[in-house]
N, C-alpha and C. Protein backbone atom coordinates (compact mmCIF):
# COMPACT_ATOMS: atom_id res chain seq x y z
N MET A 1 -70.36 126.92 19.17
CA MET A 1 -70.11 125.73 18.33
C MET A 1 -69.13 125.29 18.82
N THR A 2 -69.39 123.86 18.55
CA THR A 2 -68.18 122.90 19.09
C THR A 2 -67.34 122.50 17.99
N PRO A 3 -65.90 122.04 18.31
CA PRO A 3 -64.96 121.77 17.29
C PRO A 3 -65.52 120.74 16.05
N SER A 4 -66.39 119.62 16.74
CA SER A 4 -66.90 118.55 15.92
C SER A 4 -68.12 119.10 14.84
N ASP A 5 -68.49 120.15 15.11
CA ASP A 5 -69.74 120.53 14.12
C ASP A 5 -69.22 121.02 13.26
N PRO A 6 -69.55 120.91 11.71
CA PRO A 6 -69.06 121.53 10.43
C PRO A 6 -69.03 122.85 10.44
N THR A 7 -68.43 123.79 9.85
CA THR A 7 -68.34 124.92 9.52
C THR A 7 -69.29 125.33 8.76
N PRO A 8 -69.97 126.55 8.96
CA PRO A 8 -70.84 126.72 7.80
C PRO A 8 -70.44 126.76 6.31
N GLY A 9 -70.95 126.27 5.45
CA GLY A 9 -70.63 126.28 3.98
C GLY A 9 -69.82 125.14 3.51
N THR A 10 -69.34 124.23 4.41
CA THR A 10 -68.75 123.30 4.35
C THR A 10 -69.76 121.91 4.20
N PRO A 11 -69.83 121.12 3.25
CA PRO A 11 -71.08 119.87 3.13
C PRO A 11 -70.34 118.82 4.20
N PRO A 12 -71.33 118.25 4.87
CA PRO A 12 -71.04 117.17 5.76
C PRO A 12 -70.20 116.04 4.76
N THR A 13 -69.44 114.91 5.55
CA THR A 13 -68.97 114.01 4.80
C THR A 13 -69.80 113.03 4.63
N ASP A 14 -69.65 112.38 3.98
CA ASP A 14 -70.61 111.14 3.42
C ASP A 14 -69.82 109.78 4.42
N PRO A 15 -70.74 108.98 4.81
CA PRO A 15 -70.32 108.08 5.62
C PRO A 15 -70.05 106.77 4.68
N ALA A 16 -69.15 106.14 5.23
CA ALA A 16 -68.44 104.79 4.41
C ALA A 16 -69.53 103.95 3.95
N PRO A 17 -69.40 103.35 2.66
CA PRO A 17 -70.33 102.55 2.33
C PRO A 17 -70.32 101.21 3.07
N LEU A 18 -71.74 100.67 3.23
CA LEU A 18 -71.65 99.34 4.12
C LEU A 18 -71.09 98.19 3.58
N LEU A 19 -71.06 98.29 2.20
CA LEU A 19 -70.43 97.02 1.50
C LEU A 19 -69.84 97.57 0.21
N THR A 20 -68.62 97.32 -0.16
CA THR A 20 -67.85 97.48 -1.27
C THR A 20 -68.48 97.38 -2.72
N VAL A 21 -68.33 97.68 -3.88
CA VAL A 21 -68.72 97.23 -4.98
C VAL A 21 -68.37 95.68 -5.25
N ARG A 22 -67.09 95.48 -4.80
CA ARG A 22 -66.40 94.37 -5.08
C ARG A 22 -67.49 93.12 -4.41
N THR A 23 -67.74 93.46 -3.06
CA THR A 23 -68.41 92.64 -2.03
C THR A 23 -69.82 92.24 -2.67
N THR A 24 -70.16 93.47 -3.16
CA THR A 24 -71.76 93.33 -3.74
C THR A 24 -71.73 92.54 -4.79
N VAL A 25 -71.12 92.68 -5.76
CA VAL A 25 -70.64 91.71 -6.98
C VAL A 25 -70.75 90.30 -6.78
N VAL A 26 -69.63 90.18 -5.80
CA VAL A 26 -69.40 88.64 -5.42
C VAL A 26 -70.69 87.85 -4.86
N LEU A 27 -71.42 88.75 -3.71
CA LEU A 27 -72.62 88.04 -2.80
C LEU A 27 -73.74 88.04 -4.12
N LEU A 28 -73.88 89.24 -5.15
CA LEU A 28 -74.92 88.84 -5.92
C LEU A 28 -74.69 87.76 -7.10
N SER A 29 -73.70 87.39 -7.34
CA SER A 29 -73.25 86.35 -8.29
C SER A 29 -73.55 85.08 -7.85
N ALA A 30 -73.02 85.07 -6.44
CA ALA A 30 -73.20 83.75 -5.71
C ALA A 30 -74.65 83.73 -5.69
N ALA A 31 -75.67 84.79 -5.45
CA ALA A 31 -76.97 84.12 -5.25
C ALA A 31 -77.60 83.96 -6.38
N VAL A 32 -77.19 84.41 -7.73
CA VAL A 32 -77.50 83.88 -9.03
C VAL A 32 -77.14 82.77 -9.22
N ILE A 33 -75.84 82.01 -8.95
CA ILE A 33 -75.64 81.09 -9.39
C ILE A 33 -76.59 79.99 -8.47
N GLY A 34 -76.66 80.29 -6.86
CA GLY A 34 -77.74 79.52 -6.06
C GLY A 34 -78.79 79.32 -6.78
N LEU A 35 -79.62 80.28 -7.18
CA LEU A 35 -80.83 80.26 -7.55
C LEU A 35 -80.99 79.53 -8.97
N VAL A 36 -79.95 79.77 -9.95
CA VAL A 36 -80.00 78.59 -11.24
C VAL A 36 -79.93 77.40 -10.69
N THR A 37 -78.83 76.95 -10.00
CA THR A 37 -78.84 75.79 -9.39
C THR A 37 -79.91 75.15 -9.04
N GLY A 38 -80.58 75.69 -7.95
CA GLY A 38 -81.65 75.32 -7.25
C GLY A 38 -82.77 75.10 -8.29
N GLY A 39 -83.19 76.36 -9.18
CA GLY A 39 -83.98 76.02 -10.02
C GLY A 39 -83.78 74.66 -11.10
N LEU A 40 -82.79 74.91 -11.57
CA LEU A 40 -82.47 73.58 -12.43
C LEU A 40 -82.53 71.97 -11.34
N ALA A 41 -82.41 71.96 -10.68
CA ALA A 41 -82.42 70.80 -9.55
C ALA A 41 -84.05 70.43 -9.52
N PHE A 42 -84.79 71.63 -9.21
CA PHE A 42 -86.18 71.34 -9.09
C PHE A 42 -86.91 71.08 -10.15
N LEU A 43 -86.37 71.64 -11.46
CA LEU A 43 -87.15 71.25 -12.54
C LEU A 43 -86.61 70.01 -13.16
N GLY A 44 -85.43 69.60 -12.57
CA GLY A 44 -84.97 68.15 -13.24
C GLY A 44 -85.90 67.23 -12.41
N GLY A 45 -86.93 67.49 -11.40
CA GLY A 45 -87.89 66.38 -11.03
C GLY A 45 -87.18 66.03 -9.35
N GLY A 46 -86.37 66.48 -9.04
CA GLY A 46 -85.99 66.37 -7.50
C GLY A 46 -86.99 67.10 -6.44
N PRO A 47 -86.79 66.48 -5.32
CA PRO A 47 -87.69 67.15 -4.33
C PRO A 47 -87.23 68.56 -4.08
N THR A 48 -88.00 69.09 -3.52
CA THR A 48 -88.06 70.81 -3.18
C THR A 48 -86.96 71.05 -2.27
N ALA A 49 -86.74 70.08 -1.35
CA ALA A 49 -85.74 70.22 -0.21
C ALA A 49 -84.43 69.81 -0.80
N GLY A 50 -84.29 69.08 -1.86
CA GLY A 50 -82.85 68.75 -2.49
C GLY A 50 -82.70 70.13 -3.30
N ALA A 51 -83.77 70.70 -4.02
CA ALA A 51 -83.30 71.58 -4.90
C ALA A 51 -82.92 72.78 -4.06
N VAL A 52 -83.13 73.08 -2.81
CA VAL A 52 -83.09 74.21 -2.17
C VAL A 52 -81.59 74.06 -1.42
N LEU A 53 -81.17 72.74 -1.21
CA LEU A 53 -79.95 72.19 -0.65
C LEU A 53 -78.95 72.62 -1.70
N ALA A 54 -79.34 72.11 -2.93
CA ALA A 54 -78.27 72.13 -4.04
C ALA A 54 -77.81 73.57 -3.97
N GLY A 55 -79.09 74.62 -4.31
CA GLY A 55 -78.83 75.95 -4.62
C GLY A 55 -77.86 76.53 -3.10
N LEU A 56 -78.24 76.09 -2.38
CA LEU A 56 -77.52 76.90 -1.06
C LEU A 56 -76.02 76.26 -1.02
N THR A 57 -75.85 75.18 -1.50
CA THR A 57 -74.41 74.69 -1.72
C THR A 57 -73.75 75.21 -2.69
N ALA A 58 -74.32 75.47 -3.82
CA ALA A 58 -73.96 75.99 -4.96
C ALA A 58 -73.38 77.57 -4.74
N SER A 59 -74.42 78.27 -4.14
CA SER A 59 -74.11 79.49 -3.38
C SER A 59 -73.09 79.56 -2.79
N GLY A 60 -72.80 78.60 -1.47
CA GLY A 60 -71.81 78.76 -0.90
C GLY A 60 -70.42 78.58 -1.17
N ALA A 61 -70.64 77.60 -2.06
CA ALA A 61 -69.15 77.16 -2.96
C ALA A 61 -68.76 78.26 -3.53
N GLY A 62 -69.66 79.11 -4.26
CA GLY A 62 -69.33 80.00 -5.44
C GLY A 62 -68.67 81.40 -4.52
N VAL A 63 -69.04 81.65 -3.23
CA VAL A 63 -68.44 83.09 -2.88
C VAL A 63 -66.79 82.63 -2.74
N PRO A 64 -66.28 81.86 -2.19
CA PRO A 64 -64.72 81.69 -2.42
C PRO A 64 -64.16 81.79 -3.44
N ALA A 65 -64.96 81.15 -4.36
CA ALA A 65 -64.41 81.11 -6.00
C ALA A 65 -64.64 82.42 -6.65
N LEU A 66 -65.57 82.87 -6.54
CA LEU A 66 -65.71 84.38 -7.02
C LEU A 66 -64.86 85.36 -6.33
N HIS A 67 -64.74 85.19 -5.04
CA HIS A 67 -63.80 86.23 -4.16
C HIS A 67 -62.21 85.96 -5.00
N LYS A 68 -62.11 84.88 -5.20
CA LYS A 68 -60.65 84.64 -6.02
C LYS A 68 -60.62 85.30 -7.24
N LEU A 69 -61.79 85.02 -8.11
CA LEU A 69 -61.90 85.47 -9.25
C LEU A 69 -61.69 86.53 -9.57
N ILE A 70 -62.50 87.58 -8.89
CA ILE A 70 -63.17 88.82 -9.18
C ILE A 70 -61.98 89.76 -8.31
N ARG A 71 -61.09 90.57 -8.95
CA ARG A 71 -60.33 91.61 -8.44
C ARG A 71 -60.97 92.65 -8.49
C-alpha cells in the first residue's frame, strides 16, 4: 500500500466543485435575463437576428452587474 492510498475505513475525499454556487447563480440569472430580453425583442416584431443579438448583449452585460450585486 502506497502513502497516497486511503486507509481502510476512511472515506475518499470529495473533489472540489467545478463551479461555486455564487457563480452558478450569476450565470443562470444572466441567461434568464438574456432569454427574456431576446424573447421580448422577437415578440416585438424585430428580426430574429436582432432578437438574438439583443439577448446576447443583455446576458453579457448582466454578468458583471450581477457579479457586483450578488455577494
